[in-house]
Protein backbone atom coordinates (compact mmCIF):
# COMPACT_ATOMS: atom_id res chain seq x y z
CA MET A 1 0.00 0.00 0.00
CA PHE A 2 1.26 3.47 -0.86
CA PHE A 3 0.41 6.66 1.01
CA GLU A 4 0.52 10.11 -0.53
CA GLU A 5 2.76 12.76 1.04
CA ASN A 6 0.98 14.37 4.01
CA GLU A 7 -2.06 12.15 3.34
CA ASN A 8 -3.13 12.36 6.97
CA GLU A 9 -1.78 13.24 10.41
CA TRP A 10 -0.42 9.71 10.97
CA VAL A 11 1.51 9.77 7.70
CA GLN A 12 2.82 13.28 8.44
CA LYS A 13 4.22 12.10 11.79
CA ILE A 14 6.00 9.15 10.19
CA GLU A 15 7.38 11.29 7.35
CA THR A 16 8.64 13.91 9.79
CA ARG A 17 10.34 11.32 12.00
CA ALA A 18 11.93 9.55 9.02
CA SER A 19 13.12 12.88 7.61
CA GLU A 20 14.75 13.73 10.94
CA LEU A 21 16.40 10.30 11.26
CA MET A 22 17.72 10.32 7.72
CA ASN A 23 18.55 14.03 7.59
CA ILE A 24 16.75 14.32 4.26
CA PRO A 25 13.90 16.76 3.51
CA ILE A 26 10.44 15.23 3.14
CA SER A 27 10.23 16.84 -0.31
CA HIS A 28 12.99 14.45 -1.47
CA ALA A 29 11.24 11.32 -0.23
CA GLU A 30 9.25 8.71 -2.07
CA PRO A 31 5.74 7.97 -0.81
CA LEU A 32 5.51 5.68 2.21
CA GLN A 33 4.84 2.03 1.42
CA ILE A 34 3.58 -0.65 3.75
CA LEU A 35 4.22 -4.27 2.89
CA HIS A 36 2.39 -7.13 4.56
CA TYR A 37 3.60 -10.65 3.94
CA LYS A 38 1.58 -13.79 4.43
CA ASP A 39 3.28 -17.04 5.43
CA GLY A 40 5.69 -18.09 2.69
CA GLU A 41 5.65 -14.75 0.85
CA GLN A 42 8.81 -12.76 0.30
CA TYR A 43 10.22 -9.75 -1.47
CA GLN A 44 12.58 -11.04 -4.14
CA PRO A 45 16.22 -9.93 -4.00
CA HIS A 46 16.73 -6.58 -5.69
CA LEU A 47 19.02 -3.57 -5.82
CA ASP A 48 17.82 -0.46 -4.03
CA TYR A 49 19.04 1.92 -6.69
CA PHE A 50 18.33 2.60 -10.34
CA THR A 51 20.76 1.65 -13.07
CA SER A 52 19.73 4.60 -15.24
CA GLU A 53 22.36 7.14 -16.22
CA ASN A 54 20.03 9.78 -14.73
CA VAL A 55 21.49 9.76 -11.21
CA VAL A 56 19.59 12.97 -10.37
CA ASN A 57 16.49 10.83 -9.71
CA ASN A 58 18.34 7.98 -8.07
CA ARG A 59 17.54 6.78 -4.56
CA ILE A 60 20.18 7.85 -2.05
CA SER A 61 18.89 6.09 1.04
CA THR A 62 16.26 3.72 2.34
CA LEU A 63 14.61 3.32 5.73
CA VAL A 64 12.92 -0.01 6.49
CA MET A 65 10.76 0.13 9.61
CA TYR A 66 9.47 -3.04 11.23
CA LEU A 67 5.90 -2.80 12.51
CA ASN A 68 5.69 -6.17 14.24
CA ASP A 69 7.66 -9.16 15.47
CA VAL A 70 7.55 -12.45 13.60
CA GLU A 71 8.06 -15.95 14.94
CA LYS A 72 10.15 -17.18 12.02
CA GLY A 73 11.81 -15.62 8.95
CA GLY A 74 11.23 -12.09 7.73
CA GLU A 75 14.87 -11.04 7.73
CA THR A 76 16.22 -8.28 5.51
CA TYR A 77 19.28 -9.90 3.96
CA PHE A 78 22.28 -8.13 2.45
CA PRO A 79 24.07 -10.79 0.35
CA ASN A 80 27.23 -8.77 -0.39
CA LEU A 81 27.73 -8.25 3.34
CA HIS A 82 26.59 -11.75 4.38
CA PHE A 83 24.43 -9.96 6.94
CA SER A 84 20.75 -10.08 7.85
CA VAL A 85 18.49 -8.07 10.13
CA ALA A 86 15.62 -9.82 11.88
CA PRO A 87 12.38 -7.86 12.14
CA LYS A 88 11.71 -6.51 15.59
CA LYS A 89 8.70 -4.30 16.26
CA GLY A 90 9.78 -0.68 16.58
CA SER A 91 13.22 -1.15 15.00
CA ALA A 92 14.47 0.06 11.63
CA VAL A 93 17.30 -0.37 9.14
CA PHE A 94 18.76 2.72 7.48
CA LEU A 95 20.68 2.29 4.24
CA ASN A 96 22.75 5.16 2.95
CA ILE A 97 23.65 4.49 -0.66
CA LEU A 98 26.80 6.04 -2.04
CA ILE A 99 26.50 7.13 -5.64
CA ARG A 100 29.62 7.23 -7.72
CA ILE A 101 29.41 9.40 -10.83
CA ILE A 102 31.75 8.36 -13.60
CA ALA A 103 32.65 11.20 -15.97
């Protein structure tokens, strides 16, 4: 589910808090998304940046917030780091993506 910027008071509070944590203006953010997985579902491995030459519109960071605990699975896995983060209600993972511009 996607929420529009400032869609309601709840969304505004989350956007403001995320903006403060990430030190990025809300105007530079993508809309909030909420993902809900059923047993056995997963988000397929992907890169959190665009491969387009247009780096102006590229994502520079990501904040994954965990809204609940799970009994089994649900980790966010970073294969290049051989590292995973288990979901824990109230916790978050902040990814700051370095962009290298090749002239």
